[in-house]
Amino acid sequence: MDEIKKYGTLIALGAGVVLVIGYFAKKAAVATANAINPVNHDNVFSTSVNSIGGALTNDNNWTLGGQIYDWIHPNNATAAAMDLAASQSKATTP
């Protein structure tokens, strides 16, 4: 009978450990999914691209979407975007 209690206790402890590991694995999976979710505006890729673009243009409010909008709608572009576009065109002109 002592062996049954011993194995029963080990099985119960093992099940508890599996449940705890499963809980933390699910929590980590949800955090990872949110970090790479393309609909999330704060995902890893969007944040990285916007940080690099902001550093290159010295504009903390720079976003890739805003820059694309300025390229597509030059009449509505901000003065800073127009200055950037002009400096880029001068740099690429032979």
N, C-alpha and C. Protein backbone atom coordinates (compact mmCIF):
# COMPACT_ATOMS: atom_id res chain seq x y z
N MET A 1 0.82 -1.19 0.00
CA MET A 1 0.00 0.00 0.00
C MET A 1 0.87 1.26 0.00
N ASP A 2 2.03 1.20 0.65
CA ASP A 2 2.92 2.36 0.68
C ASP A 2 3.44 2.70 -0.71
N GLU A 3 3.64 1.65 -1.54
CA GLU A 3 4.11 1.90 -2.90
C GLU A 3 3.05 2.64 -3.71
N ILE A 4 1.80 2.30 -3.51
CA ILE A 4 0.72 2.96 -4.24
C ILE A 4 0.65 4.43 -3.85
N LYS A 5 0.78 4.73 -2.54
CA LYS A 5 0.78 6.11 -2.07
C LYS A 5 1.98 6.86 -2.65
N LYS A 6 3.14 6.21 -2.67
CA LYS A 6 4.35 6.85 -3.18
C LYS A 6 4.19 7.17 -4.66
N TYR A 7 3.72 6.23 -5.46
CA TYR A 7 3.54 6.46 -6.89
C TYR A 7 2.41 7.45 -7.15
N GLY A 8 1.36 7.38 -6.34
CA GLY A 8 0.26 8.34 -6.48
C GLY A 8 0.73 9.75 -6.19
N THR A 9 1.57 9.91 -5.19
CA THR A 9 2.11 11.22 -4.86
C THR A 9 3.01 11.72 -5.98
N LEU A 10 3.85 10.84 -6.53
CA LEU A 10 4.72 11.23 -7.64
C LEU A 10 3.92 11.62 -8.87
N ILE A 11 2.87 10.89 -9.15
CA ILE A 11 2.03 11.21 -10.30
C ILE A 11 1.34 12.57 -10.09
N ALA A 12 0.85 12.80 -8.90
CA ALA A 12 0.19 14.08 -8.60
C ALA A 12 1.19 15.23 -8.71
N LEU A 13 2.41 15.07 -8.21
CA LEU A 13 3.43 16.11 -8.32
C LEU A 13 3.80 16.34 -9.78
N GLY A 14 3.94 15.27 -10.54
CA GLY A 14 4.26 15.38 -11.96
C GLY A 14 3.16 16.12 -12.72
N ALA A 15 1.92 15.82 -12.41
CA ALA A 15 0.81 16.51 -13.06
C ALA A 15 0.81 17.99 -12.70
N GLY A 16 1.12 18.29 -11.45
CA GLY A 16 1.19 19.70 -11.02
C GLY A 16 2.28 20.45 -11.76
N VAL A 17 3.43 19.82 -11.92
CA VAL A 17 4.54 20.44 -12.64
C VAL A 17 4.16 20.68 -14.10
N VAL A 18 3.50 19.70 -14.72
CA VAL A 18 3.07 19.85 -16.11
C VAL A 18 2.08 21.01 -16.24
N LEU A 19 1.16 21.14 -15.31
CA LEU A 19 0.20 22.24 -15.35
C LEU A 19 0.88 23.60 -15.21
N VAL A 20 1.83 23.71 -14.31
CA VAL A 20 2.55 24.98 -14.12
C VAL A 20 3.35 25.32 -15.37
N ILE A 21 4.05 24.36 -15.94
CA ILE A 21 4.82 24.60 -17.16
C ILE A 21 3.89 24.99 -18.30
N GLY A 22 2.76 24.32 -18.41
CA GLY A 22 1.78 24.66 -19.45
C GLY A 22 1.25 26.07 -19.30
N TYR A 23 0.99 26.49 -18.06
CA TYR A 23 0.50 27.85 -17.81
C TYR A 23 1.52 28.89 -18.29
N PHE A 24 2.78 28.72 -17.92
CA PHE A 24 3.80 29.69 -18.31
C PHE A 24 4.10 29.63 -19.81
N ALA A 25 4.01 28.44 -20.41
CA ALA A 25 4.23 28.32 -21.85
C ALA A 25 3.13 29.05 -22.61
N LYS A 26 1.89 28.93 -22.15
CA LYS A 26 0.78 29.63 -22.81
C LYS A 26 0.95 31.14 -22.68
N LYS A 27 1.34 31.58 -21.50
CA LYS A 27 1.55 33.01 -21.26
C LYS A 27 2.64 33.55 -22.18
N ALA A 28 3.72 32.82 -22.35
CA ALA A 28 4.82 33.24 -23.23
C ALA A 28 4.37 33.22 -24.69
N ALA A 29 3.57 32.24 -25.07
CA ALA A 29 3.09 32.16 -26.45
C ALA A 29 2.20 33.33 -26.80
N VAL A 30 1.35 33.75 -25.87
CA VAL A 30 0.47 34.90 -26.12
C VAL A 30 1.30 36.17 -26.27
N ALA A 31 2.30 36.36 -25.42
CA ALA A 31 3.15 37.54 -25.52
C ALA A 31 3.91 37.55 -26.84
N THR A 32 4.40 36.41 -27.26
CA THR A 32 5.12 36.32 -28.53
C THR A 32 4.19 36.59 -29.71
N ALA A 33 2.99 36.06 -29.64
CA ALA A 33 2.02 36.27 -30.72
C ALA A 33 1.68 37.75 -30.86
N ASN A 34 1.53 38.46 -29.75
CA ASN A 34 1.24 39.89 -29.81
C ASN A 34 2.42 40.68 -30.35
N ALA A 35 3.62 40.22 -30.08
CA ALA A 35 4.81 40.94 -30.53
C ALA A 35 4.99 40.87 -32.04
N ILE A 36 4.49 39.82 -32.67
CA ILE A 36 4.66 39.68 -34.12
C ILE A 36 3.35 39.81 -34.89
N ASN A 37 2.27 40.15 -34.20
CA ASN A 37 0.97 40.30 -34.84
C ASN A 37 1.00 41.51 -35.78
N PRO A 38 0.74 41.33 -37.08
CA PRO A 38 0.82 42.45 -38.01
C PRO A 38 -0.25 43.52 -37.79
N VAL A 39 -1.34 43.19 -37.10
CA VAL A 39 -2.40 44.16 -36.84
C VAL A 39 -2.04 45.05 -35.64
N ASN A 40 -1.18 44.57 -34.78
CA ASN A 40 -0.76 45.31 -33.59
C ASN A 40 0.21 46.42 -34.00
N HIS A 41 -0.14 47.67 -33.70
CA HIS A 41 0.71 48.80 -34.09
C HIS A 41 2.03 48.84 -33.31
N ASP A 42 2.08 48.15 -32.19
CA ASP A 42 3.30 48.13 -31.39
C ASP A 42 4.07 46.83 -31.57
N ASN A 43 3.92 46.17 -32.73
CA ASN A 43 4.64 44.92 -32.91
C ASN A 43 6.13 45.19 -33.13
N VAL A 44 6.91 44.16 -33.07
CA VAL A 44 8.37 44.28 -33.12
C VAL A 44 8.83 44.94 -34.43
N PHE A 45 8.25 44.54 -35.54
CA PHE A 45 8.70 45.03 -36.84
C PHE A 45 8.36 46.51 -37.03
N SER A 46 7.13 46.87 -36.70
CA SER A 46 6.69 48.26 -36.85
C SER A 46 7.52 49.18 -35.96
N THR A 47 7.71 48.78 -34.72
CA THR A 47 8.49 49.59 -33.79
C THR A 47 9.93 49.75 -34.26
N SER A 48 10.52 48.67 -34.78
CA SER A 48 11.90 48.73 -35.25
C SER A 48 12.04 49.65 -36.46
N VAL A 49 11.16 49.47 -37.45
CA VAL A 49 11.23 50.29 -38.66
C VAL A 49 11.03 51.76 -38.32
N ASN A 50 10.05 52.05 -37.47
CA ASN A 50 9.78 53.44 -37.11
C ASN A 50 10.92 54.05 -36.31
N SER A 51 11.57 53.27 -35.47
CA SER A 51 12.71 53.77 -34.70
C SER A 51 13.89 54.09 -35.61
N ILE A 52 14.16 53.21 -36.55
CA ILE A 52 15.28 53.44 -37.48
C ILE A 52 14.98 54.64 -38.37
N GLY A 53 13.75 54.71 -38.91
CA GLY A 53 13.37 55.85 -39.74
C GLY A 53 13.43 57.16 -38.98
N GLY A 54 12.98 57.14 -37.72
CA GLY A 54 13.03 58.34 -36.90
C GLY A 54 14.47 58.77 -36.62
N ALA A 55 15.35 57.81 -36.42
CA ALA A 55 16.76 58.13 -36.18
C ALA A 55 17.42 58.70 -37.44
N LEU A 56 17.07 58.15 -38.59
CA LEU A 56 17.68 58.61 -39.84
C LEU A 56 17.19 60.00 -40.24
N THR A 57 15.95 60.32 -39.92
CA THR A 57 15.37 61.61 -40.32
C THR A 57 15.39 62.65 -39.20
N ASN A 58 15.84 62.26 -38.03
CA ASN A 58 15.81 63.13 -36.84
C ASN A 58 14.39 63.60 -36.54
N ASP A 59 13.40 62.75 -36.78
CA ASP A 59 12.00 63.05 -36.53
C ASP A 59 11.43 61.93 -35.67
N ASN A 60 11.17 62.21 -34.39
CA ASN A 60 10.67 61.19 -33.47
C ASN A 60 9.27 60.72 -33.82
N ASN A 61 8.54 61.47 -34.62
CA ASN A 61 7.19 61.10 -35.00
C ASN A 61 7.14 60.40 -36.36
N TRP A 62 8.28 60.07 -36.94
CA TRP A 62 8.33 59.45 -38.26
C TRP A 62 7.75 58.05 -38.20
N THR A 63 6.92 57.72 -39.19
CA THR A 63 6.42 56.36 -39.35
C THR A 63 6.52 55.98 -40.82
N LEU A 64 6.66 54.70 -41.08
CA LEU A 64 6.73 54.24 -42.46
C LEU A 64 5.42 54.53 -43.19
N GLY A 65 4.30 54.31 -42.52
CA GLY A 65 3.01 54.59 -43.14
C GLY A 65 2.85 56.06 -43.48
N GLY A 66 3.29 56.93 -42.60
CA GLY A 66 3.24 58.36 -42.87
C GLY A 66 4.13 58.76 -44.02
N GLN A 67 5.30 58.14 -44.09
CA GLN A 67 6.23 58.44 -45.18
C GLN A 67 5.67 57.98 -46.52
N ILE A 68 5.07 56.80 -46.54
CA ILE A 68 4.45 56.30 -47.78
C ILE A 68 3.31 57.22 -48.20
N TYR A 69 2.52 57.68 -47.24
CA TYR A 69 1.43 58.61 -47.56
C TYR A 69 2.00 59.89 -48.17
N ASP A 70 3.07 60.40 -47.60
CA ASP A 70 3.68 61.62 -48.13
C ASP A 70 4.22 61.42 -49.54
N TRP A 71 4.76 60.23 -49.84
CA TRP A 71 5.24 59.95 -51.18
C TRP A 71 4.09 59.87 -52.18
N ILE A 72 2.99 59.27 -51.75
CA ILE A 72 1.84 59.08 -52.65
C ILE A 72 1.05 60.38 -52.83
N HIS A 73 1.01 61.20 -51.78
CA HIS A 73 0.24 62.45 -51.80
C HIS A 73 1.18 63.64 -51.59
N PRO A 74 1.98 63.99 -52.58
CA PRO A 74 2.97 65.05 -52.39
C PRO A 74 2.34 66.41 -52.11
N ASN A 75 1.12 66.66 -52.54
CA ASN A 75 0.48 67.94 -52.27
C ASN A 75 0.08 68.09 -50.81
N ASN A 76 -0.09 66.99 -50.11
CA ASN A 76 -0.47 67.02 -48.70
C ASN A 76 0.72 66.78 -47.78
N ALA A 77 1.90 66.62 -48.34
CA ALA A 77 3.08 66.27 -47.55
C ALA A 77 3.48 67.43 -46.65
N THR A 78 4.07 67.09 -45.53
CA THR A 78 4.55 68.10 -44.61
C THR A 78 5.83 68.73 -45.17
N ALA A 79 6.16 69.88 -44.67
CA ALA A 79 7.37 70.56 -45.14
C ALA A 79 8.61 69.72 -44.87
N ALA A 80 8.66 69.06 -43.73
CA ALA A 80 9.81 68.23 -43.40
C ALA A 80 9.95 67.07 -44.38
N ALA A 81 8.82 66.47 -44.76
CA ALA A 81 8.86 65.36 -45.71
C ALA A 81 9.31 65.85 -47.08
N MET A 82 8.86 67.04 -47.47
CA MET A 82 9.25 67.57 -48.76
C MET A 82 10.74 67.91 -48.78
N ASP A 83 11.26 68.44 -47.67
CA ASP A 83 12.69 68.72 -47.57
C ASP A 83 13.49 67.42 -47.66
N LEU A 84 13.01 66.38 -47.01
CA LEU A 84 13.69 65.10 -47.05
C LEU A 84 13.67 64.54 -48.46
N ALA A 85 12.53 64.60 -49.14
CA ALA A 85 12.44 64.09 -50.50
C ALA A 85 13.37 64.87 -51.43
N ALA A 86 13.46 66.19 -51.24
CA ALA A 86 14.34 67.00 -52.07
C ALA A 86 15.80 66.63 -51.83
N SER A 87 16.18 66.42 -50.57
CA SER A 87 17.58 66.09 -50.28
C SER A 87 17.90 64.69 -50.81
N GLN A 88 16.94 63.78 -50.79
CA GLN A 88 17.17 62.44 -51.32
C GLN A 88 17.32 62.47 -52.83
N SER A 89 16.52 63.30 -53.49
CA SER A 89 16.62 63.36 -54.95
C SER A 89 17.93 64.01 -55.38
N LYS A 90 18.43 64.98 -54.61
CA LYS A 90 19.73 65.59 -54.92
C LYS A 90 20.86 64.59 -54.73
N ALA A 91 20.71 63.75 -53.69
CA ALA A 91 21.77 62.78 -53.41
C ALA A 91 21.83 61.70 -54.48
N THR A 92 20.70 61.38 -55.10
CA THR A 92 20.69 60.31 -56.11
C THR A 92 20.87 60.84 -57.52
N THR A 93 20.83 62.16 -57.72
CA THR A 93 21.02 62.73 -59.04
C THR A 93 22.51 62.72 -59.39
N PRO A 94 22.89 62.18 -60.57
CA PRO A 94 24.33 62.10 -60.91
C PRO A 94 24.90 63.43 -61.30
